[in-house]
Amino acid sequence: MPKLTIDLPESAYRAALNFDSREQVRLVTATFIVAEAALEDIPDYHRETNEADLKVIGRSLQDEAEGRIIQGEVAMARFREQFSEMVRI
């Protein structure tokens, strides 16, 4: 099996010592597999815009003009209000 040496912050190193060697390998393996999968979902912002992109942009602009889109701050305020009402119950 190939070996990889990683310099860890002291706190991570101490936490890793709480696991036996098999569990350390399993956790590190899972971490890299999940990280790689997450990177595959990152959009390529440097590619050329195609016709499908333009259609989506057009629909978004139309939705905004017709009031179907709200600002993020407004959405978060509404969410916080609804959440606080749920928590009080």
PDB file of N, CA and C in Angstrom:
ATOM      1  N   MET A   1       0.845  -1.166   0.000  1.00  0.00           N
ATOM      2  CA  MET A   1       0.000   0.000   0.000  1.00  0.00           C
ATOM      3  C   MET A   1       0.899   1.240   0.000  1.00  0.00           C
ATOM      4  N   PRO A   2       0.602   2.243  -0.862  1.00  0.00           N
ATOM      5  CA  PRO A   2       1.401   3.459  -0.874  1.00  0.00           C
ATOM      6  C   PRO A   2       1.279   4.214   0.445  1.00  0.00           C
ATOM      7  N   LYS A   3       2.300   4.973   0.774  1.00  0.00           N
ATOM      8  CA  LYS A   3       2.300   5.746   2.013  1.00  0.00           C
ATOM      9  C   LYS A   3       2.241   7.228   1.683  1.00  0.00           C
ATOM     10  N   LEU A   4       1.600   7.983   2.568  1.00  0.00           N
ATOM     11  CA  LEU A   4       1.482   9.426   2.440  1.00  0.00           C
ATOM     12  C   LEU A   4       1.794  10.035   3.798  1.00  0.00           C
ATOM     13  N   THR A   5       2.676  11.015   3.821  1.00  0.00           N
ATOM     14  CA  THR A   5       3.017  11.693   5.068  1.00  0.00           C
ATOM     15  C   THR A   5       2.403  13.089   5.034  1.00  0.00           C
ATOM     16  N   ILE A   6       1.664  13.425   6.079  1.00  0.00           N
ATOM     17  CA  ILE A   6       0.987  14.713   6.150  1.00  0.00           C
ATOM     18  C   ILE A   6       1.364  15.398   7.460  1.00  0.00           C
ATOM     19  N   ASP A   7       1.724  16.672   7.371  1.00  0.00           N
ATOM     20  CA  ASP A   7       1.953  17.469   8.580  1.00  0.00           C
ATOM     21  C   ASP A   7       0.603  17.972   9.074  1.00  0.00           C
ATOM     22  N   LEU A   8       0.273  17.649  10.308  1.00  0.00           N
ATOM     23  CA  LEU A   8      -1.013  18.048  10.884  1.00  0.00           C
ATOM     24  C   LEU A   8      -0.814  19.106  11.951  1.00  0.00           C
ATOM     25  N   PRO A   9      -1.825  19.940  12.157  1.00  0.00           N
ATOM     26  CA  PRO A   9      -1.791  20.810  13.327  1.00  0.00           C
ATOM     27  C   PRO A   9      -1.788  19.930  14.585  1.00  0.00           C
ATOM     28  N   GLU A  10      -1.228  20.435  15.632  1.00  0.00           N
ATOM     29  CA  GLU A  10      -1.102  19.663  16.873  1.00  0.00           C
ATOM     30  C   GLU A  10      -2.440  19.087  17.333  1.00  0.00           C
ATOM     31  N   SER A  11      -3.504  19.884  17.276  1.00  0.00           N
ATOM     32  CA  SER A  11      -4.808  19.411  17.754  1.00  0.00           C
ATOM     33  C   SER A  11      -5.323  18.233  16.908  1.00  0.00           C
ATOM     34  N   ALA A  12      -5.121  18.291  15.592  1.00  0.00           N
ATOM     35  CA  ALA A  12      -5.554  17.188  14.722  1.00  0.00           C
ATOM     36  C   ALA A  12      -4.717  15.940  14.980  1.00  0.00           C
ATOM     37  N   TYR A  13      -3.426  16.140  15.200  1.00  0.00           N
ATOM     38  CA  TYR A  13      -2.543  15.009  15.503  1.00  0.00           C
ATOM     39  C   TYR A  13      -2.990  14.318  16.786  1.00  0.00           C
ATOM     40  N   ARG A  14      -3.267  15.100  17.823  1.00  0.00           N
ATOM     41  CA  ARG A  14      -3.714  14.521  19.101  1.00  0.00           C
ATOM     42  C   ARG A  14      -5.044  13.792  18.927  1.00  0.00           C
ATOM     43  N   ALA A  15      -5.938  14.365  18.142  1.00  0.00           N
ATOM     44  CA  ALA A  15      -7.231  13.713  17.901  1.00  0.00           C
ATOM     45  C   ALA A  15      -7.038  12.394  17.159  1.00  0.00           C
ATOM     46  N   ALA A  16      -6.113  12.373  16.191  1.00  0.00           N
ATOM     47  CA  ALA A  16      -5.861  11.149  15.419  1.00  0.00           C
ATOM     48  C   ALA A  16      -5.334  10.030  16.300  1.00  0.00           C
ATOM     49  N   LEU A  17      -4.613  10.383  17.346  1.00  0.00           N
ATOM     50  CA  LEU A  17      -4.066   9.355  18.243  1.00  0.00           C
ATOM     51  C   LEU A  17      -5.145   8.606  19.013  1.00  0.00           C
ATOM     52  N   ASN A  18      -6.355   9.153  19.043  1.00  0.00           N
ATOM     53  CA  ASN A  18      -7.468   8.480  19.721  1.00  0.00           C
ATOM     54  C   ASN A  18      -7.986   7.276  18.935  1.00  0.00           C
ATOM     55  N   PHE A  19      -7.549   7.124  17.699  1.00  0.00           N
ATOM     56  CA  PHE A  19      -8.016   6.026  16.845  1.00  0.00           C
ATOM     57  C   PHE A  19      -6.883   5.037  16.616  1.00  0.00           C
ATOM     58  N   ASP A  20      -7.257   3.755  16.489  1.00  0.00           N
ATOM     59  CA  ASP A  20      -6.217   2.771  16.177  1.00  0.00           C
ATOM     60  C   ASP A  20      -5.806   2.945  14.712  1.00  0.00           C
ATOM     61  N   SER A  21      -4.737   2.307  14.290  1.00  0.00           N
ATOM     62  CA  SER A  21      -4.165   2.542  12.958  1.00  0.00           C
ATOM     63  C   SER A  21      -5.139   2.189  11.831  1.00  0.00           C
ATOM     64  N   ARG A  22      -5.939   1.123  11.997  1.00  0.00           N
ATOM     65  CA  ARG A  22      -6.915   0.766  10.952  1.00  0.00           C
ATOM     66  C   ARG A  22      -7.966   1.853  10.804  1.00  0.00           C
ATOM     67  N   GLU A  23      -8.434   2.381  11.947  1.00  0.00           N
ATOM     68  CA  GLU A  23      -9.447   3.434  11.911  1.00  0.00           C
ATOM     69  C   GLU A  23      -8.859   4.730  11.340  1.00  0.00           C
ATOM     70  N   GLN A  24      -7.611   5.028  11.634  1.00  0.00           N
ATOM     71  CA  GLN A  24      -6.960   6.205  11.059  1.00  0.00           C
ATOM     72  C   GLN A  24      -6.938   6.115   9.540  1.00  0.00           C
ATOM     73  N   VAL A  25      -6.548   4.953   9.020  1.00  0.00           N
ATOM     74  CA  VAL A  25      -6.493   4.762   7.565  1.00  0.00           C
ATOM     75  C   VAL A  25      -7.886   4.899   6.966  1.00  0.00           C
ATOM     76  N   ARG A  26      -8.878   4.303   7.609  1.00  0.00           N
ATOM     77  CA  ARG A  26     -10.260   4.377   7.108  1.00  0.00           C
ATOM     78  C   ARG A  26     -10.755   5.818   7.077  1.00  0.00           C
ATOM     79  N   LEU A  27     -10.501   6.576   8.143  1.00  0.00           N
ATOM     80  CA  LEU A  27     -10.962   7.960   8.215  1.00  0.00           C
ATOM     81  C   LEU A  27     -10.267   8.847   7.182  1.00  0.00           C
ATOM     82  N   VAL A  28      -8.963   8.688   7.044  1.00  0.00           N
ATOM     83  CA  VAL A  28      -8.229   9.498   6.067  1.00  0.00           C
ATOM     84  C   VAL A  28      -8.665   9.139   4.645  1.00  0.00           C
ATOM     85  N   THR A  29      -8.846   7.868   4.372  1.00  0.00           N
ATOM     86  CA  THR A  29      -9.300   7.424   3.055  1.00  0.00           C
ATOM     87  C   THR A  29     -10.656   8.027   2.732  1.00  0.00           C
ATOM     88  N   ALA A  30     -11.584   7.933   3.670  1.00  0.00           N
ATOM     89  CA  ALA A  30     -12.923   8.495   3.456  1.00  0.00           C
ATOM     90  C   ALA A  30     -12.855  10.001   3.239  1.00  0.00           C
ATOM     91  N   THR A  31     -11.993  10.677   3.984  1.00  0.00           N
ATOM     92  CA  THR A  31     -11.852  12.124   3.844  1.00  0.00           C
ATOM     93  C   THR A  31     -11.428  12.498   2.429  1.00  0.00           C
ATOM     94  N   PHE A  32     -10.431  11.816   1.894  1.00  0.00           N
ATOM     95  CA  PHE A  32      -9.956  12.144   0.552  1.00  0.00           C
ATOM     96  C   PHE A  32     -10.980  11.774  -0.520  1.00  0.00           C
ATOM     97  N   ILE A  33     -11.693  10.684  -0.343  1.00  0.00           N
ATOM     98  CA  ILE A  33     -12.717  10.290  -1.321  1.00  0.00           C
ATOM     99  C   ILE A  33     -13.835  11.318  -1.356  1.00  0.00           C
ATOM    100  N   VAL A  34     -14.295  11.759  -0.181  1.00  0.00           N
ATOM    101  CA  VAL A  34     -15.361  12.764  -0.120  1.00  0.00           C
ATOM    102  C   VAL A  34     -14.874  14.097  -0.686  1.00  0.00           C
ATOM    103  N   ALA A  35     -13.646  14.493  -0.355  1.00  0.00           N
ATOM    104  CA  ALA A  35     -13.105  15.753  -0.863  1.00  0.00           C
ATOM    105  C   ALA A  35     -13.001  15.732  -2.386  1.00  0.00           C
ATOM    106  N   GLU A  36     -12.561  14.618  -2.942  1.00  0.00           N
ATOM    107  CA  GLU A  36     -12.450  14.514  -4.398  1.00  0.00           C
ATOM    108  C   GLU A  36     -13.823  14.621  -5.048  1.00  0.00           C
ATOM    109  N   ALA A  37     -14.814  13.955  -4.474  1.00  0.00           N
ATOM    110  CA  ALA A  37     -16.172  14.015  -5.021  1.00  0.00           C
ATOM    111  C   ALA A  37     -16.719  15.439  -4.950  1.00  0.00           C
ATOM    112  N   ALA A  38     -16.422  16.144  -3.876  1.00  0.00           N
ATOM    113  CA  ALA A  38     -16.892  17.527  -3.732  1.00  0.00           C
ATOM    114  C   ALA A  38     -16.261  18.426  -4.789  1.00  0.00           C
ATOM    115  N   LEU A  39     -15.002  18.195  -5.109  1.00  0.00           N
ATOM    116  CA  LEU A  39     -14.325  19.014  -6.113  1.00  0.00           C
ATOM    117  C   LEU A  39     -14.909  18.809  -7.503  1.00  0.00           C
ATOM    118  N   GLU A  40     -15.447  17.628  -7.765  1.00  0.00           N
ATOM    119  CA  GLU A  40     -16.045  17.359  -9.074  1.00  0.00           C
ATOM    120  C   GLU A  40     -17.301  18.192  -9.294  1.00  0.00           C
ATOM    121  N   ASP A  41     -17.939  18.647  -8.213  1.00  0.00           N
ATOM    122  CA  ASP A  41     -19.167  19.429  -8.321  1.00  0.00           C
ATOM    123  C   ASP A  41     -18.907  20.924  -8.484  1.00  0.00           C
ATOM    124  N   ILE A  42     -17.650  21.334  -8.476  1.00  0.00           N
ATOM    125  CA  ILE A  42     -17.330  22.755  -8.627  1.00  0.00           C
ATOM    126  C   ILE A  42     -17.521  23.140 -10.091  1.00  0.00           C
ATOM    127  N   PRO A  43     -18.361  24.135 -10.344  1.00  0.00           N
ATOM    128  CA  PRO A  43     -18.596  24.527 -11.737  1.00  0.00           C
ATOM    129  C   PRO A  43     -17.341  25.115 -12.383  1.00  0.00           C
ATOM    130  N   ASP A  44     -17.231  24.940 -13.668  1.00  0.00           N
ATOM    131  CA  ASP A  44     -16.123  25.509 -14.429  1.00  0.00           C
ATOM    132  C   ASP A  44     -16.553  26.883 -14.927  1.00  0.00           C
ATOM    133  N   TYR A  45     -16.180  27.923 -14.184  1.00  0.00           N
ATOM    134  CA  TYR A  45     -16.602  29.277 -14.514  1.00  0.00           C
ATOM    135  C   TYR A  45     -15.824  29.861 -15.690  1.00  0.00           C
ATOM    136  N   HIS A  46     -14.810  29.183 -16.144  1.00  0.00           N
ATOM    137  CA  HIS A  46     -13.974  29.718 -17.210  1.00  0.00           C
ATOM    138  C   HIS A  46     -14.319  29.137 -18.581  1.00  0.00           C
ATOM    139  N   ARG A  47     -15.356  28.293 -18.636  1.00  0.00           N
ATOM    140  CA  ARG A  47     -15.733  27.741 -19.930  1.00  0.00           C
ATOM    141  C   ARG A  47     -16.561  28.768 -20.700  1.00  0.00           C
ATOM    142  N   GLU A  48     -16.691  28.566 -21.994  1.00  0.00           N
ATOM    143  CA  GLU A  48     -17.473  29.483 -22.810  1.00  0.00           C
ATOM    144  C   GLU A  48     -18.955  29.320 -22.496  1.00  0.00           C
ATOM    145  N   THR A  49     -19.680  30.420 -22.527  1.00  0.00           N
ATOM    146  CA  THR A  49     -21.126  30.391 -22.302  1.00  0.00           C
ATOM    147  C   THR A  49     -21.786  29.784 -23.529  1.00  0.00           C
ATOM    148  N   ASN A  50     -22.695  28.830 -23.288  1.00  0.00           N
ATOM    149  CA  ASN A  50     -23.385  28.207 -24.424  1.00  0.00           C
ATOM    150  C   ASN A  50     -24.854  28.646 -24.446  1.00  0.00           C
ATOM    151  N   GLU A  51     -25.604  28.142 -25.407  1.00  0.00           N
ATOM    152  CA  GLU A  51     -27.002  28.561 -25.566  1.00  0.00           C
ATOM    153  C   GLU A  51     -27.856  28.160 -24.373  1.00  0.00           C
ATOM    154  N   ALA A  52     -27.614  27.003 -23.785  1.00  0.00           N
ATOM    155  CA  ALA A  52     -28.377  26.583 -22.612  1.00  0.00           C
ATOM    156  C   ALA A  52     -28.144  27.545 -21.444  1.00  0.00           C
ATOM    157  N   ASP A  53     -26.897  27.988 -21.284  1.00  0.00           N
ATOM    158  CA  ASP A  53     -26.584  28.967 -20.233  1.00  0.00           C
ATOM    159  C   ASP A  53     -27.376  30.250 -20.454  1.00  0.00           C
ATOM    160  N   LEU A  54     -27.403  30.722 -21.696  1.00  0.00           N
ATOM    161  CA  LEU A  54     -28.096  31.966 -22.009  1.00  0.00           C
ATOM    162  C   LEU A  54     -29.594  31.856 -21.734  1.00  0.00           C
ATOM    163  N   LYS A  55     -30.172  30.678 -22.009  1.00  0.00           N
ATOM    164  CA  LYS A  55     -31.595  30.480 -21.723  1.00  0.00           C
ATOM    165  C   LYS A  55     -31.863  30.548 -20.220  1.00  0.00           C
ATOM    166  N   VAL A  56     -30.999  29.927 -19.424  1.00  0.00           N
ATOM    167  CA  VAL A  56     -31.157  29.957 -17.967  1.00  0.00           C
ATOM    168  C   VAL A  56     -31.014  31.380 -17.448  1.00  0.00           C
ATOM    169  N   ILE A  57     -30.030  32.104 -17.962  1.00  0.00           N
ATOM    170  CA  ILE A  57     -29.831  33.493 -17.552  1.00  0.00           C
ATOM    171  C   ILE A  57     -31.064  34.318 -17.918  1.00  0.00           C
ATOM    172  N   GLY A  58     -31.584  34.105 -19.106  1.00  0.00           N
ATOM    173  CA  GLY A  58     -32.780  34.834 -19.550  1.00  0.00           C
ATOM    174  C   GLY A  58     -33.975  34.559 -18.655  1.00  0.00           C
ATOM    175  N   ARG A  59     -34.187  33.280 -18.305  1.00  0.00           N
ATOM    176  CA  ARG A  59     -35.307  32.936 -17.409  1.00  0.00           C
ATOM    177  C   ARG A  59     -35.126  33.590 -16.047  1.00  0.00           C
ATOM    178  N   SER A  60     -33.896  33.596 -15.552  1.00  0.00           N
ATOM    179  CA  SER A  60     -33.628  34.218 -14.245  1.00  0.00           C
ATOM    180  C   SER A  60     -33.918  35.708 -14.277  1.00  0.00           C
ATOM    181  N   LEU A  61     -33.502  36.376 -15.343  1.00  0.00           N
ATOM    182  CA  LEU A  61     -33.767  37.812 -15.470  1.00  0.00           C
ATOM    183  C   LEU A  61     -35.266  38.082 -15.561  1.00  0.00           C
ATOM    184  N   GLN A  62     -35.976  37.214 -16.269  1.00  0.00           N
ATOM    185  CA  GLN A  62     -37.429  37.370 -16.382  1.00  0.00           C
ATOM    186  C   GLN A  62     -38.088  37.134 -15.022  1.00  0.00           C
ATOM    187  N   ASP A  63     -37.661  36.104 -14.308  1.00  0.00           N
ATOM    188  CA  ASP A  63     -38.202  35.844 -12.966  1.00  0.00           C
ATOM    189  C   ASP A  63     -37.973  37.037 -12.051  1.00  0.00           C
ATOM    190  N   GLU A  64     -36.793  37.629 -12.136  1.00  0.00           N
ATOM    191  CA  GLU A  64     -36.496  38.792 -11.295  1.00  0.00           C
ATOM    192  C   GLU A  64     -37.385  39.975 -11.670  1.00  0.00           C
ATOM    193  N   ALA A  65     -37.534  40.218 -12.967  1.00  0.00           N
ATOM    194  CA  ALA A  65     -38.359  41.338 -13.427  1.00  0.00           C
ATOM    195  C   ALA A  65     -39.820  41.164 -13.011  1.00  0.00           C
ATOM    196  N   GLU A  66     -40.278  39.924 -12.917  1.00  0.00           N
ATOM    197  CA  GLU A  66     -41.673  39.657 -12.561  1.00  0.00           C
ATOM    198  C   GLU A  66     -41.859  39.437 -11.059  1.00  0.00           C
ATOM    199  N   GLY A  67     -40.800  39.675 -10.293  1.00  0.00           N
ATOM    200  CA  GLY A  67     -40.919  39.619  -8.830  1.00  0.00           C
ATOM    201  C   GLY A  67     -40.919  38.232  -8.226  1.00  0.00           C
ATOM    202  N   ARG A  68     -40.455  37.238  -8.965  1.00  0.00           N
ATOM    203  CA  ARG A  68     -40.432  35.874  -8.429  1.00  0.00           C
ATOM    204  C   ARG A  68     -39.128  35.551  -7.711  1.00  0.00           C
ATOM    205  N   ILE A  69     -38.207  36.505  -7.681  1.00  0.00           N
ATOM    206  CA  ILE A  69     -36.930  36.316  -6.990  1.00  0.00           C
ATOM    207  C   ILE A  69     -36.837  37.379  -5.906  1.00  0.00           C
ATOM    208  N   ILE A  70     -36.382  36.969  -4.716  1.00  0.00           N
ATOM    209  CA  ILE A  70     -36.196  37.933  -3.636  1.00  0.00           C
ATOM    210  C   ILE A  70     -34.719  37.966  -3.255  1.00  0.00           C
ATOM    211  N   GLN A  71     -34.305  39.072  -2.661  1.00  0.00           N
ATOM    212  CA  GLN A  71     -32.920  39.226  -2.243  1.00  0.00           C
ATOM    213  C   GLN A  71     -32.574  38.215  -1.163  1.00  0.00           C
ATOM    214  N   GLY A  72     -31.322  37.788  -1.131  1.00  0.00           N
ATOM    215  CA  GLY A  72     -30.858  36.807  -0.157  1.00  0.00           C
ATOM    216  C   GLY A  72     -31.085  37.257   1.276  1.00  0.00           C
ATOM    217  N   GLU A  73     -30.862  38.558   1.552  1.00  0.00           N
ATOM    218  CA  GLU A  73     -31.060  39.074   2.911  1.00  0.00           C
ATOM    219  C   GLU A  73     -32.512  38.939   3.335  1.00  0.00           C
ATOM    220  N   VAL A  74     -33.435  39.178   2.410  1.00  0.00           N
ATOM    221  CA  VAL A  74     -34.863  39.065   2.710  1.00  0.00           C
ATOM    222  C   VAL A  74     -35.220  37.605   2.968  1.00  0.00           C
ATOM    223  N   ALA A  75     -34.713  36.720   2.119  1.00  0.00           N
ATOM    224  CA  ALA A  75     -34.986  35.284   2.298  1.00  0.00           C
ATOM    225  C   ALA A  75     -34.463  34.797   3.646  1.00  0.00           C
ATOM    226  N   MET A  76     -33.245  35.211   4.020  1.00  0.00           N
ATOM    227  CA  MET A  76     -32.671  34.781   5.303  1.00  0.00           C
ATOM    228  C   MET A  76     -33.475  35.341   6.472  1.00  0.00           C
ATOM    229  N   ALA A  77     -33.930  36.579   6.369  1.00  0.00           N
ATOM    230  CA  ALA A  77     -34.737  37.166   7.444  1.00  0.00           C
ATOM    231  C   ALA A  77     -36.038  36.383   7.613  1.00  0.00           C
ATOM    232  N   ARG A  78     -36.675  36.030   6.500  1.00  0.00           N
ATOM    233  CA  ARG A  78     -37.902  35.233   6.571  1.00  0.00           C
ATOM    234  C   ARG A  78     -37.625  33.859   7.182  1.00  0.00           C
ATOM    235  N   PHE A  79     -36.520  33.246   6.777  1.00  0.00           N
ATOM    236  CA  PHE A  79     -36.157  31.940   7.320  1.00  0.00           C
ATOM    237  C   PHE A  79     -35.941  32.025   8.829  1.00  0.00           C
ATOM    238  N   ARG A  80     -35.178  33.044   9.259  1.00  0.00           N
ATOM    239  CA  ARG A  80     -34.920  33.204  10.701  1.00  0.00           C
ATOM    240  C   ARG A  80     -36.217  33.389  11.474  1.00  0.00           C
ATOM    241  N   GLU A  81     -37.128  34.181  10.918  1.00  0.00           N
ATOM    242  CA  GLU A  81     -38.415  34.424  11.570  1.00  0.00           C
ATOM    243  C   GLU A  81     -39.207  33.120  11.697  1.00  0.00           C
ATOM    244  N   GLN A  82     -39.288  32.363  10.611  1.00  0.00           N
ATOM    245  CA  GLN A  82     -40.014  31.092  10.641  1.00  0.00           C
ATOM    246  C   GLN A  82     -39.349  30.104  11.588  1.00  0.00           C
ATOM    247  N   PHE A  83     -38.030  30.068  11.587  1.00  0.00           N
ATOM    248  CA  PHE A  83     -37.301  29.144  12.464  1.00  0.00           C
ATOM    249  C   PHE A  83     -37.530  29.504  13.919  1.00  0.00           C
ATOM    250  N   SER A  84     -37.479  30.799  14.240  1.00  0.00           N
ATOM    251  CA  SER A  84     -37.653  31.201  15.633  1.00  0.00           C
ATOM    252  C   SER A  84     -39.062  30.871  16.114  1.00  0.00           C
ATOM    253  N   GLU A  85     -40.062  30.964  15.206  1.00  0.00           N
ATOM    254  CA  GLU A  85     -41.432  30.583  15.575  1.00  0.00           C
ATOM    255  C   GLU A  85     -41.514  29.084  15.844  1.00  0.00           C
ATOM    256  N   MET A  86     -40.803  28.286  15.059  1.00  0.00           N
ATOM    257  CA  MET A  86     -40.808  26.820  15.260  1.00  0.00           C
ATOM    258  C   MET A  86     -40.135  26.464  16.570  1.00  0.00           C
ATOM    259  N   VAL A  87     -39.089  27.155  16.914  1.00  0.00           N
ATOM    260  CA  VAL A  87     -38.335  26.834  18.131  1.00  0.00           C
ATOM    261  C   VAL A  87     -39.148  27.181  19.366  1.00  0.00           C
ATOM    262  N   ARG A  88     -39.978  28.231  19.295  1.00  0.00           N
ATOM    263  CA  ARG A  88     -40.789  28.643  20.444  1.00  0.00           C
ATOM    264  C   ARG A  88     -41.893  27.645  20.764  1.00  0.00           C
ATOM    265  N   ILE A  89     -42.273  26.844  19.800  1.00  0.00           N
ATOM    266  CA  ILE A  89     -43.404  25.914  20.003  1.00  0.00           C
ATOM    267  C   ILE A  89     -43.050  24.851  21.006  1.00  0.00           C
TER     268      ILE A  89
END
